[in-house]
């Protein structure tokens, strides 16, 4: 009891915070998914409608996701404390594991979008096959721009995995160098490069800059900023106390406030670009869970924020295709409401398909595709090898250790003293004094066997 009474209140409060699920980042994921959705409503503008969206609405939202992914990547890899000598293999395994977590939702959204788009815009068989063939790079996740993609918002996933592979390799190979040298230099250099271009903003994902697309450069910059956010997070964790947590709460509110004010109040691209470096710091504070804002996001129903944000991100373009094709000429407000409605419908359809596929995998496909075939292969192998065994070995085994049951012996009236001889070799018999054997000893002959012989 004395240890409990003397425990530091700040440390106790911190332990309780670490045990609770932090849904604040999940809430931010949902908010930025809505921003991506909002940015794509610009295609719904028609004559007589004048709509001005905040600058870089979609690009800045995707940049947030890159930072988040980079921070999670660094946290996951460094916690493993990898000491192996195959960092390349470890990196590709890590990236593949991350893709598996998204693959079912990504693939389902792609199929739904492909079906709806083909029904809406292409009817001929030749046109359908032409579009499917052109979609091969997207299916292979090597298309990081939207020069042609069926589900264009998914360029983010391709660009993320493309850039995650070399950064994951460096984290496995040289953790200290990557976190403290490479990531800061890469993020700041790319940020300054974009700042000093003609437009001075984040690249469009389909821009071509040298041998890279704008989407690749945005992804590498964002992931590197995410690794920097992880570094900030580790320093916050080491210096947590009640006073620091109050300061972190104020800092978190201020950082997000400045960024959103530049985005939605000033509405200048350069202003948003200038505020972007504040995001990694704010995200690191949120990830630490040591700001008191985390207490606003402790409700269990908030666990649905993360999967909801992903399905909105992946499926809203399909809803836009439906609205543009089948509900043309409406005003902007009506079109947006229709897009919201069909996004909900498509997201629900995607959820059903994903759920059914998971059930099918667990009930049928998992056993069928992962069951070992060793038992089926071993049987024919034994049948082939057995006749090739040397015959001298077989005869030797039959002579020294016959396994023939007692009733099948040709002389059923054999004296009891001869019965144990079938279990001995000739060398064993020479070492036994037959005169000292007690044949009435039950250890030598079981009563049941005697009865059976009689």
Protein backbone atom coordinates (compact mmCIF):
# COMPACT_ATOMS: atom_id res chain seq x y z
CA UNK A 1 0.00 0.00 0.00
CA UNK A 2 2.86 2.38 0.72
CA UNK A 3 4.19 2.07 -2.83
CA UNK A 4 0.78 2.99 -4.19
CA UNK A 5 0.46 6.02 -1.95
CA UNK A 6 3.94 7.30 -2.79
CA UNK A 7 3.53 6.78 -6.55
CA UNK A 8 4.04 9.86 -8.69
CA UNK A 9 0.57 11.08 -9.82
CA UNK A 10 1.94 12.10 -13.20
CA UNK A 11 3.44 8.63 -13.79
CA UNK A 12 0.20 6.97 -12.75
CA UNK A 13 -1.77 9.23 -15.10
CA UNK A 14 0.65 8.45 -17.93
CA UNK A 15 0.32 4.67 -17.42
CA UNK A 16 -3.46 4.94 -17.57
CA UNK A 17 -3.18 6.96 -20.79
CA UNK A 18 -0.87 4.40 -22.42
CA UNK A 19 -3.31 1.59 -21.63
CA UNK A 20 -6.19 3.39 -23.30
CA UNK A 21 -6.77 3.24 -27.03
CA UNK A 22 -5.95 6.54 -28.73
CA UNK A 23 -8.71 7.21 -31.22
CA UNK A 24 -7.61 10.78 -31.89
CA UNK A 25 -5.49 9.77 -34.87
CA UNK A 26 -8.37 7.66 -36.19
CA UNK A 27 -10.59 10.73 -35.94
CA UNK A 28 -8.04 12.77 -37.90
CA UNK A 29 -7.92 10.04 -40.55
CA UNK A 30 -11.66 10.38 -41.01
CA UNK A 31 -11.45 14.19 -41.16
CA UNK A 32 -8.79 14.14 -43.87
CA UNK A 33 -10.69 11.45 -45.81
CA UNK A 34 -13.63 13.87 -45.88
CA UNK A 35 -11.24 16.55 -47.21
CA UNK A 36 -10.18 14.21 -50.04
CA UNK A 37 -13.86 13.56 -50.79
CA UNK A 38 -14.52 17.31 -50.73
CA UNK A 39 -11.64 18.04 -53.12
CA UNK A 40 -13.14 15.73 -55.74
CA UNK A 41 -16.51 17.48 -55.71
CA UNK A 42 -14.94 20.14 -57.94
CA UNK A 43 -15.83 17.91 -60.92
CA UNK A 44 -19.50 18.47 -60.08
CA UNK A 45 -19.42 22.16 -61.02
CA UNK A 46 -21.69 23.14 -63.89
CA UNK A 47 -22.54 26.31 -65.71
CA UNK A 48 -23.89 28.97 -63.40
CA UNK A 49 -22.17 27.41 -60.37
CA UNK A 50 -19.20 29.14 -58.81
CA UNK A 51 -17.50 27.11 -56.11
CA UNK A 52 -14.10 27.89 -54.63
CA UNK A 53 -12.53 25.09 -52.62
CA UNK A 54 -9.64 25.58 -50.18
CA UNK A 55 -6.24 25.37 -51.94
CA UNK A 56 -4.45 22.01 -52.17
CA UNK A 57 -7.37 20.39 -50.39
CA UNK A 58 -6.72 16.90 -51.70
CA UNK A 59 -2.93 17.12 -51.96
CA UNK A 60 -2.44 18.41 -48.41
CA UNK A 61 -4.82 15.75 -47.08
CA UNK A 62 -2.84 13.00 -48.81
CA UNK A 63 0.36 14.55 -47.45
CA UNK A 64 -1.09 14.02 -43.98
CA UNK A 65 -1.58 10.32 -44.76
CA UNK A 66 2.02 10.03 -45.97
CA UNK A 67 3.30 11.54 -42.71
CA UNK A 68 1.13 9.17 -40.70
CA UNK A 69 2.32 6.15 -42.70
CA UNK A 70 5.97 7.12 -42.27
CA UNK A 71 5.58 7.50 -38.53
CA UNK A 72 3.82 4.14 -38.17
CA UNK A 73 6.47 2.49 -40.34
CA UNK A 74 9.34 3.80 -38.21
CA UNK A 75 7.56 2.88 -34.99
CA UNK A 76 6.82 -0.67 -36.17
CA UNK A 77 10.33 -1.39 -37.51
CA UNK A 78 12.32 0.15 -34.67
CA UNK A 79 10.25 -1.65 -32.02
CA UNK A 80 11.35 -4.96 -33.57
CA UNK A 81 15.01 -4.16 -32.84
CA UNK A 82 16.06 -6.06 -35.95
CA UNK A 83 19.56 -7.57 -35.73
CA UNK A 84 19.57 -9.85 -38.77
CA UNK A 85 21.86 -9.64 -41.80
CA UNK A 86 19.15 -9.53 -44.50
CA UNK A 87 17.64 -6.02 -44.31
CA UNK A 88 16.45 -6.19 -47.91
CA UNK A 89 14.43 -9.32 -47.28
CA UNK A 90 13.10 -7.84 -44.04
CA UNK A 91 12.05 -4.67 -45.87
CA UNK A 92 10.15 -6.44 -48.65
CA UNK A 93 8.46 -8.69 -46.07
CA UNK A 94 7.40 -5.63 -44.10
CA UNK A 95 5.98 -3.88 -47.16
CA UNK A 96 4.12 -7.01 -48.29
CA UNK A 97 2.60 -7.38 -44.84
CA UNK A 98 1.39 -3.78 -45.00
CA UNK A 99 -0.10 -4.37 -48.43
CA UNK A 100 -1.93 -7.50 -47.27
CA UNK A 101 -3.70 -5.39 -44.65
CA UNK A 102 -5.06 -3.11 -47.41
CA UNK A 103 -5.29 -5.53 -50.33
CA UNK A 104 -8.85 -6.76 -49.85
CA UNK A 105 -10.35 -3.28 -49.44
CA UNK A 106 -8.22 -1.89 -52.26
CA UNK A 107 -9.08 -4.73 -54.65
CA UNK A 108 -12.79 -4.63 -53.86
CA UNK A 109 -12.96 -0.88 -54.42
CA UNK A 110 -11.08 -1.26 -57.70
CA UNK A 111 -13.45 -3.93 -59.01
CA UNK A 112 -16.55 -1.96 -58.03
CA UNK A 113 -15.17 1.19 -59.66
CA UNK A 114 -14.22 -0.73 -62.81
CA UNK A 115 -17.66 -2.30 -63.17
CA UNK A 116 -19.53 0.98 -62.59
CA UNK A 117 -17.23 2.95 -64.89
CA UNK A 118 -17.47 0.41 -67.70
CA UNK A 119 -21.26 0.27 -67.45
CA UNK A 120 -21.50 4.05 -67.41
CA UNK A 121 -19.09 4.93 -70.23
CA UNK A 122 -18.14 1.90 -72.31
CA UNK A 123 -20.43 -0.59 -73.91
CA UNK A 124 -18.37 -2.23 -76.65
CA UNK A 125 -16.38 -5.36 -75.91
CA UNK A 126 -13.27 -3.93 -77.60
CA UNK A 127 -13.34 -0.75 -75.51
CA UNK A 128 -13.79 -2.76 -72.33
CA UNK A 129 -10.75 -4.92 -73.00
CA UNK A 130 -8.70 -1.89 -74.00
CA UNK A 131 -9.40 -0.22 -70.67
CA UNK A 132 -8.68 -3.40 -68.71
CA UNK A 133 -5.33 -3.85 -70.43
CA UNK A 134 -4.43 -0.23 -69.71
CA UNK A 135 -5.21 -0.89 -66.06
CA UNK A 136 -2.48 -3.52 -65.66
CA UNK A 137 0.03 -1.04 -64.14
CA UNK A 138 -2.60 -0.07 -61.59
CA UNK A 139 -3.25 -3.71 -60.74
CA UNK A 140 0.49 -4.22 -60.21
CA UNK A 141 0.71 -1.11 -58.00
CA UNK A 142 3.30 0.51 -60.24
CA UNK A 143 1.08 3.37 -61.36
CA UNK A 144 1.66 6.26 -58.97
CA UNK A 145 0.06 8.93 -61.14
CA UNK A 146 -3.42 9.32 -62.51
CA UNK A 147 -2.53 9.65 -66.20
CA UNK A 148 -4.82 6.66 -66.44
CA UNK A 149 -6.24 4.86 -63.42
CA UNK A 150 -9.62 3.31 -62.82
CA UNK A 151 -9.72 4.32 -59.16
CA UNK A 152 -7.57 7.43 -59.18
CA UNK A 153 -7.44 8.20 -55.43
CA UNK A 154 -5.63 4.88 -54.97
CA UNK A 155 -2.47 6.39 -56.50
CA UNK A 156 -1.57 7.19 -52.90
CA UNK A 157 -1.25 3.48 -52.06
CA UNK A 158 1.05 2.75 -55.02
CA UNK A 159 3.28 5.74 -54.31
CA UNK A 160 3.42 4.93 -50.59
CA UNK A 161 4.62 1.34 -51.08
CA UNK A 162 7.06 2.40 -53.80
CA UNK A 163 8.81 4.82 -51.43
CA UNK A 164 8.30 2.75 -48.30
CA UNK A 165 10.54 -0.05 -49.58
CA UNK A 166 13.88 1.86 -49.64
CA UNK A 167 13.06 3.71 -46.42
CA UNK A 168 12.14 0.46 -44.66
CA UNK A 169 15.42 -1.05 -45.87
CA UNK A 170 17.36 1.86 -44.38
CA UNK A 171 15.47 1.57 -41.09
CA UNK A 172 16.36 -2.13 -40.88
CA UNK A 173 19.96 -1.53 -41.99
CA UNK A 174 20.87 1.80 -40.34
CA UNK A 175 18.23 2.90 -37.86
CA UNK A 176 20.20 5.69 -36.25
CA UNK A 177 21.38 7.15 -39.56
CA UNK A 178 17.93 6.97 -41.13
CA UNK A 179 16.04 8.54 -38.23
CA UNK A 180 18.52 11.26 -37.37
CA UNK A 181 20.19 12.06 -40.70
CA UNK A 182 18.53 10.67 -43.83
CA UNK A 183 14.88 11.41 -43.00
CA UNK A 184 15.43 15.06 -41.92
CA UNK A 185 17.63 15.79 -44.94
CA UNK A 186 15.29 14.10 -47.44
CA UNK A 187 12.11 15.70 -46.10
CA UNK A 188 13.52 19.22 -45.84
CA UNK A 189 15.33 19.02 -49.21
CA UNK A 190 12.24 17.87 -51.08
CA UNK A 191 10.06 20.39 -49.26
CA UNK A 192 12.41 23.26 -50.22
CA UNK A 193 12.62 21.97 -53.78
CA UNK A 194 8.84 22.09 -54.13
CA UNK A 195 8.73 25.49 -52.42
CA UNK A 196 11.17 26.95 -54.95
CA UNK A 197 9.46 25.64 -58.07
CA UNK A 198 7.36 27.97 -60.21
CA UNK A 199 4.14 27.20 -58.32
CA UNK A 200 5.80 26.63 -54.97
CA UNK A 201 3.29 23.99 -53.85
CA UNK A 202 3.00 20.22 -53.50
CA UNK A 203 3.31 18.44 -56.82
CA UNK A 204 0.32 16.97 -58.54
CA UNK A 205 0.66 13.22 -58.57
CA UNK A 206 0.75 13.15 -62.39
CA UNK A 207 3.50 15.80 -62.72
CA UNK A 208 6.76 14.51 -64.18
CA UNK A 209 9.91 15.75 -62.45
CA UNK A 210 13.03 14.23 -64.01
CA UNK A 211 12.68 10.46 -63.83
CA UNK A 212 10.05 10.60 -61.07
CA UNK A 213 6.40 11.51 -60.92
CA UNK A 214 5.15 14.19 -58.59
CA UNK A 215 3.33 11.52 -56.60
CA UNK A 216 6.61 9.69 -55.88
CA UNK A 217 8.31 12.87 -54.67
CA UNK A 218 5.32 13.81 -52.51
CA UNK A 219 5.32 10.32 -51.00
CA UNK A 220 9.04 10.28 -50.23
CA UNK A 221 8.82 13.73 -48.68
CA UNK A 222 5.78 12.82 -46.56
CA UNK A 223 7.15 9.45 -45.40
CA UNK A 224 10.44 11.11 -44.43
CA UNK A 225 8.53 13.74 -42.48
CA UNK A 226 6.72 10.85 -40.79
CA UNK A 227 10.04 9.34 -39.66
CA UNK A 228 10.93 12.76 -38.23
CA UNK A 229 7.57 12.76 -36.44
CA UNK A 230 8.49 9.42 -34.88
CA UNK A 231 11.78 10.89 -33.64
CA UNK A 232 9.88 13.78 -32.03
CA UNK A 233 7.46 11.31 -30.48
CA UNK A 234 10.27 9.35 -28.81
CA UNK A 235 11.64 12.52 -27.23
CA UNK A 236 8.18 13.42 -25.94
CA UNK A 237 7.79 10.02 -24.33
CA UNK A 238 11.04 10.34 -22.42
CA UNK A 239 10.13 13.66 -20.82
CA UNK A 240 6.48 13.22 -19.91
CA UNK A 241 5.09 14.66 -16.68
CA UNK A 242 1.98 16.58 -15.72
CA UNK A 243 3.39 20.02 -16.57
CA UNK A 244 4.76 18.81 -19.90
CA UNK A 245 1.39 17.32 -20.75
CA UNK A 246 -0.31 20.66 -20.17
CA UNK A 247 2.23 22.31 -22.46
CA UNK A 248 1.77 19.59 -25.06
CA UNK A 249 -1.99 20.11 -25.00
CA UNK A 250 -1.55 23.83 -25.67
CA UNK A 251 1.02 23.12 -28.39
CA UNK A 252 -1.21 20.56 -30.12
CA UNK A 253 -4.18 22.91 -30.22
CA UNK A 254 -1.99 25.76 -31.47
CA UNK A 255 -0.27 23.73 -34.21
CA UNK A 256 -3.46 22.29 -35.65
CA UNK A 257 -5.15 25.67 -35.28
CA UNK A 258 -2.45 27.49 -37.27
CA UNK A 259 -2.46 24.86 -39.99
CA UNK A 260 -6.25 24.81 -40.45
CA UNK A 261 -6.43 28.60 -40.29
CA UNK A 262 -3.89 28.86 -43.11
CA UNK A 263 -5.84 26.27 -45.05
CA UNK A 264 -9.41 27.46 -44.65
CA UNK A 265 -9.11 31.12 -43.59
CA UNK A 266 -6.18 32.51 -45.57
CA UNK A 267 -6.88 30.22 -48.56
CA UNK A 268 -3.51 30.83 -50.16
CA UNK A 269 -1.43 27.99 -51.55
CA UNK A 270 1.82 29.49 -50.29
CA UNK A 271 0.30 29.91 -46.83
CA UNK A 272 -0.74 26.26 -46.72
CA UNK A 273 2.70 25.22 -47.97
CA UNK A 274 4.35 27.31 -45.26
CA UNK A 275 2.23 25.65 -42.57
CA UNK A 276 2.89 22.07 -43.73
CA UNK A 277 6.03 21.54 -41.56
CA UNK A 278 3.84 22.01 -38.47
CA UNK A 279 1.94 18.80 -39.24
CA UNK A 280 4.68 16.31 -38.24
CA UNK A 281 5.07 18.01 -34.86
CA UNK A 282 1.33 18.04 -34.22
CA UNK A 283 0.97 14.41 -35.33
CA UNK A 284 3.83 13.34 -33.05
CA UNK A 285 2.10 14.95 -30.07
CA UNK A 286 -1.17 13.25 -30.97
CA UNK A 287 0.56 9.88 -31.40
CA UNK A 288 2.22 10.16 -28.00
CA UNK A 289 -1.18 10.27 -26.30
CA UNK A 290 0.16 12.67 -23.68
CA UNK A 291 -1.91 15.67 -24.64
CA UNK A 292 -5.08 15.96 -22.60
CA UNK A 293 -7.02 16.19 -25.87
CA UNK A 294 -6.78 12.41 -26.02
CA UNK A 295 -9.45 12.21 -23.34
CA UNK A 296 -11.99 13.49 -25.85
CA UNK A 297 -11.42 10.41 -28.01
CA UNK A 298 -11.83 7.44 -25.68
CA UNK A 299 -15.26 6.19 -26.72
CA UNK A 300 -15.32 2.65 -28.02
CA UNK A 301 -17.57 3.50 -30.95
CA UNK A 302 -14.71 5.62 -32.33
CA UNK A 303 -12.90 2.43 -33.32
CA UNK A 304 -14.94 2.56 -36.54
CA UNK A 305 -13.26 5.82 -37.61
CA UNK A 306 -10.20 4.15 -39.16
CA UNK A 307 -11.97 1.56 -41.38
CA UNK A 308 -14.60 4.15 -42.31
CA UNK A 309 -11.95 6.63 -43.44
CA UNK A 310 -10.31 3.97 -45.63
CA UNK A 311 -13.52 2.89 -47.34
CA UNK A 312 -14.53 6.52 -47.99
CA UNK A 313 -11.11 7.26 -49.44
CA UNK A 314 -11.23 4.25 -51.79
CA UNK A 315 -14.89 4.32 -52.89
CA UNK A 316 -16.00 7.94 -53.26
CA UNK A 317 -14.82 8.21 -56.87
CA UNK A 318 -17.27 5.49 -57.89
CA UNK A 319 -20.08 7.59 -56.42
CA UNK A 320 -18.89 10.62 -58.38
CA UNK A 321 -18.98 8.63 -61.63
CA UNK A 322 -22.61 7.69 -60.93
CA UNK A 323 -23.63 11.29 -60.18
CA UNK A 324 -21.89 12.79 -63.21
CA UNK A 325 -23.25 10.17 -65.61
CA UNK A 326 -26.82 9.67 -64.39
CA UNK A 327 -27.65 12.98 -62.64
CA UNK A 328 -26.23 15.70 -64.90
CA UNK A 329 -27.21 19.37 -64.88
CA UNK A 330 -28.04 19.68 -61.19
CA UNK A 331 -26.74 22.43 -58.97
CA UNK A 332 -23.64 21.92 -56.89
CA UNK A 333 -25.40 21.34 -53.56
CA UNK A 334 -27.75 18.70 -54.96
CA UNK A 335 -24.89 16.96 -56.75
CA UNK A 336 -22.77 16.85 -53.57
CA UNK A 337 -25.67 15.42 -51.56
CA UNK A 338 -26.18 12.76 -54.23
CA UNK A 339 -22.46 11.98 -54.14
CA UNK A 340 -22.65 11.60 -50.36
CA UNK A 341 -25.63 9.25 -50.73
CA UNK A 342 -24.01 7.04 -53.36
CA UNK A 343 -20.72 7.03 -51.44
CA UNK A 344 -22.57 5.56 -48.49
CA UNK A 345 -24.20 2.96 -50.73
CA UNK A 346 -20.94 1.97 -52.42
CA UNK A 347 -19.10 1.86 -49.08
CA UNK A 348 -21.77 -0.42 -47.66
CA UNK A 349 -21.55 -2.66 -50.73
CA UNK A 350 -17.78 -2.78 -50.39
CA UNK A 351 -18.12 -3.66 -46.70
CA UNK A 352 -20.47 -6.54 -47.51
CA UNK A 353 -18.18 -7.93 -50.21
CA UNK A 354 -15.10 -7.70 -48.00
CA UNK A 355 -16.94 -9.38 -45.11
CA UNK A 356 -18.19 -12.22 -47.33
CA UNK A 357 -14.73 -12.74 -48.81
CA UNK A 358 -13.20 -12.94 -45.33
CA UNK A 359 -15.80 -15.51 -44.28
CA UNK A 360 -15.21 -17.50 -47.46
CA UNK A 361 -11.49 -17.45 -46.78
CA UNK A 362 -11.85 -18.65 -43.20
CA UNK A 363 -14.44 -21.34 -43.95
CA UNK A 364 -13.28 -22.73 -47.30
CA UNK A 365 -10.35 -21.16 -49.11
CA UNK A 366 -7.87 -21.02 -46.23
CA UNK A 367 -7.97 -24.79 -45.71
CA UNK A 368 -7.99 -25.56 -49.42
CA UNK A 369 -5.08 -23.26 -50.28
CA UNK A 370 -2.89 -23.72 -47.20
CA UNK A 371 -3.36 -27.45 -46.49
CA UNK A 372 -0.10 -29.37 -46.70
CA UNK A 373 0.24 -32.01 -49.43
CA UNK A 374 3.07 -33.92 -47.70
CA UNK A 375 0.86 -36.86 -46.73
CA UNK A 376 -0.29 -37.28 -50.31
CA UNK A 377 3.24 -37.11 -51.66
CA UNK A 378 4.86 -39.44 -49.13
CA UNK A 379 2.68 -42.47 -49.91
CA UNK A 380 3.67 -42.96 -53.54
CA UNK A 381 7.32 -42.24 -52.65
CA UNK A 382 7.34 -45.11 -50.11
CA UNK A 383 5.76 -47.43 -52.67
CA UNK A 384 8.51 -46.64 -55.13
CA UNK A 385 11.43 -46.90 -52.71
CA UNK A 386 10.38 -50.05 -50.86
CA UNK A 387 11.02 -52.53 -53.74
CA UNK A 388 14.51 -51.03 -54.21
CA UNK A 389 15.64 -52.04 -50.69
CA UNK A 390 18.33 -54.77 -50.71
CA UNK A 391 16.93 -58.24 -50.14
CA UNK A 392 19.68 -59.33 -47.72
CA UNK A 393 18.49 -56.70 -45.26
CA UNK A 394 14.92 -57.96 -45.49
CA UNK A 395 15.88 -61.59 -44.85
CA UNK A 396 18.12 -60.64 -41.97
CA UNK A 397 15.30 -58.79 -40.27
CA UNK A 398 12.91 -61.71 -40.77
CA UNK A 399 15.35 -64.21 -39.24
CA UNK A 400 16.36 -62.29 -36.15
CA UNK A 401 13.18 -60.49 -35.19
CA UNK A 402 10.11 -62.35 -36.44
CA UNK A 403 6.88 -60.58 -35.59
CA UNK A 404 4.66 -63.61 -36.28
CA UNK A 405 1.87 -63.98 -33.71
CA UNK A 406 1.87 -67.04 -31.46
CA UNK A 407 -1.26 -68.81 -32.84
CA UNK A 408 0.27 -68.96 -36.34
CA UNK A 409 3.30 -71.06 -35.28
CA UNK A 410 3.37 -74.57 -36.80
CA UNK A 411 3.82 -76.37 -33.47
CA UNK A 412 1.12 -75.23 -31.05
CA UNK A 413 2.21 -77.87 -28.46
CA UNK A 414 5.69 -76.39 -28.16
CA UNK A 415 7.03 -76.51 -24.57
CA UNK A 416 6.75 -73.31 -22.65
CA UNK A 417 10.51 -73.04 -22.29
CA UNK A 418 10.82 -72.61 -26.05
CA UNK A 419 8.40 -69.67 -26.33
CA UNK A 420 10.73 -66.83 -25.29
CA UNK A 421 13.36 -67.91 -27.82
CA UNK A 422 11.51 -66.18 -30.66
CA UNK A 423 12.31 -62.81 -29.08
CA UNK A 424 16.07 -63.41 -28.70
CA UNK A 425 19.04 -63.55 -30.99
CA UNK A 426 21.61 -66.32 -30.90
CA UNK A 427 24.04 -64.15 -28.97
CA UNK A 428 21.40 -63.58 -26.31
CA UNK A 429 20.80 -67.31 -25.91
CA UNK A 430 24.44 -68.05 -25.23
CA UNK A 431 24.44 -65.65 -22.33
CA UNK A 432 21.39 -67.09 -20.56
CA UNK A 433 21.61 -69.95 -18.02
CA UNK A 434 18.60 -72.08 -18.96
CA UNK A 435 18.79 -74.08 -15.74
CA UNK A 436 18.05 -71.07 -13.58
CA UNK A 437 14.94 -69.95 -15.43
CA UNK A 438 11.71 -70.05 -13.46
CA UNK A 439 9.00 -70.72 -16.00
CA UNK A 440 6.31 -70.18 -13.43
CA UNK A 441 7.42 -66.59 -13.01
CA UNK A 442 4.59 -64.34 -14.30
CA UNK A 443 7.19 -61.84 -15.53
CA UNK A 444 8.27 -64.34 -18.17
CA UNK A 445 4.91 -65.67 -19.30
CA UNK A 446 1.68 -63.77 -18.92
CA UNK A 447 -1.26 -65.74 -17.50
CA UNK A 448 -3.42 -64.70 -20.42
CA UNK A 449 -0.94 -66.13 -22.90
CA UNK A 450 -0.74 -69.40 -20.98
CA UNK A 451 -4.48 -69.70 -21.01
CA UNK A 452 -4.56 -68.89 -24.67
CA UNK A 453 -1.98 -71.58 -25.48
CA UNK A 454 -3.81 -74.15 -23.40
